[in-house]
C-alpha atoms as a PDB file:
ATOM      1  CA  UNK A   1       0.000   0.000   0.000  1.00  0.00           C
ATOM      2  CA  UNK A   2       2.881   2.392   0.739  1.00  0.00           C
ATOM      3  CA  UNK A   3       4.524   2.322  -2.680  1.00  0.00           C
ATOM      4  CA  UNK A   4       7.407   4.874  -2.854  1.00  0.00           C
ATOM      5  CA  UNK A   5       6.516   5.506  -6.512  1.00  0.00           C
ATOM      6  CA  UNK A   6       3.149   6.834  -5.379  1.00  0.00           C
ATOM      7  CA  UNK A   7       3.846   8.559  -2.042  1.00  0.00           C
ATOM      8  CA  UNK A   8       7.525   9.452  -2.438  1.00  0.00           C
ATOM      9  CA  UNK A   9      10.471   8.607  -0.219  1.00  0.00           C
ATOM     10  CA  UNK A  10      10.773  10.090   3.264  1.00  0.00           C
ATOM     11  CA  UNK A  11      14.105  11.491   4.494  1.00  0.00           C
ATOM     12  CA  UNK A  12      15.934   9.477   7.166  1.00  0.00           C
ATOM     13  CA  UNK A  13      18.812   9.847   9.633  1.00  0.00           C
ATOM     14  CA  UNK A  14      18.006  13.452  10.638  1.00  0.00           C
ATOM     15  CA  UNK A  15      20.894  15.392  12.223  1.00  0.00           C
ATOM     16  CA  UNK A  16      21.283  19.012  13.387  1.00  0.00           C
ATOM     17  CA  UNK A  17      24.467  21.007  12.823  1.00  0.00           C
ATOM     18  CA  UNK A  18      26.381  22.131  15.947  1.00  0.00           C
ATOM     19  CA  UNK A  19      24.931  25.635  15.656  1.00  0.00           C
ATOM     20  CA  UNK A  20      21.382  24.265  15.019  1.00  0.00           C
ATOM     21  CA  UNK A  21      21.098  26.295  11.819  1.00  0.00           C
ATOM     22  CA  UNK A  22      21.207  23.367   9.380  1.00  0.00           C
ATOM     23  CA  UNK A  23      19.417  20.038   9.247  1.00  0.00           C
ATOM     24  CA  UNK A  24      21.224  17.143   7.532  1.00  0.00           C
ATOM     25  CA  UNK A  25      19.388  14.041   6.329  1.00  0.00           C
ATOM     26  CA  UNK A  26      19.637  11.095   3.936  1.00  0.00           C
ATOM     27  CA  UNK A  27      17.186  11.224   1.066  1.00  0.00           C
ATOM     28  CA  UNK A  28      16.610   9.636  -2.334  1.00  0.00           C
ATOM     29  CA  UNK A  29      14.052  11.739  -4.252  1.00  0.00           C
ATOM     30  CA  UNK A  30      15.373  10.550  -7.649  1.00  0.00           C
ATOM     31  CA  UNK A  31      15.037   6.806  -6.905  1.00  0.00           C
ATOM     32  CA  UNK A  32      18.812   6.215  -7.207  1.00  0.00           C
ATOM     33  CA  UNK A  33      20.354   2.941  -5.964  1.00  0.00           C
ATOM     34  CA  UNK A  34      21.212   4.628  -2.616  1.00  0.00           C
ATOM     35  CA  UNK A  35      20.422   7.677  -0.501  1.00  0.00           C
ATOM     36  CA  UNK A  36      22.461  10.886  -0.668  1.00  0.00           C
ATOM     37  CA  UNK A  37      23.153  13.455   2.032  1.00  0.00           C
ATOM     38  CA  UNK A  38      21.051  16.635   1.870  1.00  0.00           C
ATOM     39  CA  UNK A  39      20.665  19.660   4.084  1.00  0.00           C
ATOM     40  CA  UNK A  40      18.295  22.536   4.766  1.00  0.00           C
ATOM     41  CA  UNK A  41      19.093  25.769   6.534  1.00  0.00           C
ATOM     42  CA  UNK A  42      17.019  28.386   8.282  1.00  0.00           C
ATOM     43  CA  UNK A  43      17.576  30.760   5.365  1.00  0.00           C
ATOM     44  CA  UNK A  44      17.314  28.229   2.502  1.00  0.00           C
ATOM     45  CA  UNK A  45      14.511  25.732   3.033  1.00  0.00           C
ATOM     46  CA  UNK A  46      15.026  23.990  -0.307  1.00  0.00           C
ATOM     47  CA  UNK A  47      16.828  20.635   0.161  1.00  0.00           C
ATOM     48  CA  UNK A  48      20.359  20.763  -1.257  1.00  0.00           C
ATOM     49  CA  UNK A  49      22.588  17.745  -1.941  1.00  0.00           C
ATOM     50  CA  UNK A  50      25.790  18.249   0.061  1.00  0.00           C
ATOM     51  CA  UNK A  51      29.013  16.720   1.353  1.00  0.00           C
ATOM     52  CA  UNK A  52      29.240  15.531   4.969  1.00  0.00           C
ATOM     53  CA  UNK A  53      30.345  18.250   7.398  1.00  0.00           C
ATOM     54  CA  UNK A  54      33.624  17.805   9.320  1.00  0.00           C
ATOM     55  CA  UNK A  55      33.537  14.957  11.862  1.00  0.00           C
ATOM     56  CA  UNK A  56      31.386  15.684  14.874  1.00  0.00           C
ATOM     57  CA  UNK A  57      29.698  18.725  13.338  1.00  0.00           C
ATOM     58  CA  UNK A  58      26.158  17.411  13.510  1.00  0.00           C
ATOM     59  CA  UNK A  59      24.046  15.600  16.058  1.00  0.00           C
ATOM     60  CA  UNK A  60      21.355  12.964  15.692  1.00  0.00           C
ATOM     61  CA  UNK A  61      17.841  14.332  16.079  1.00  0.00           C
ATOM     62  CA  UNK A  62      16.313  12.689  19.122  1.00  0.00           C
ATOM     63  CA  UNK A  63      12.743  11.507  19.170  1.00  0.00           C
ATOM     64  CA  UNK A  64      10.665  13.041  21.960  1.00  0.00           C
ATOM     65  CA  UNK A  65      10.181  10.677  24.849  1.00  0.00           C
ATOM     66  CA  UNK A  66       7.023  10.229  26.844  1.00  0.00           C
ATOM     67  CA  UNK A  67       7.659   9.707  30.532  1.00  0.00           C
ATOM     68  CA  UNK A  68       5.186   7.640  32.510  1.00  0.00           C
ATOM     69  CA  UNK A  69       3.396   9.402  35.314  1.00  0.00           C
ATOM     70  CA  UNK A  70       4.504   8.688  38.846  1.00  0.00           C
ATOM     71  CA  UNK A  71       0.963   8.473  40.212  1.00  0.00           C
ATOM     72  CA  UNK A  72      -0.072   5.360  42.084  1.00  0.00           C
ATOM     73  CA  UNK A  73      -3.611   4.235  42.661  1.00  0.00           C
END
């Protein structure tokens, strides 16, 4: 049901730059054999294919966590 030809391919491996002004991600909008690295910035919101930044210059985007309540019945 979720055919990439019909709905497109979602970006993966989201990472923020150290200064939090750029978002890096793997994406394959052209249906190539593998994903390429892309980025967006606060000033340019059009995805651009790019080279990896220097080692340690971006951080994995963390999923929000839901903490259980501490209430007891």
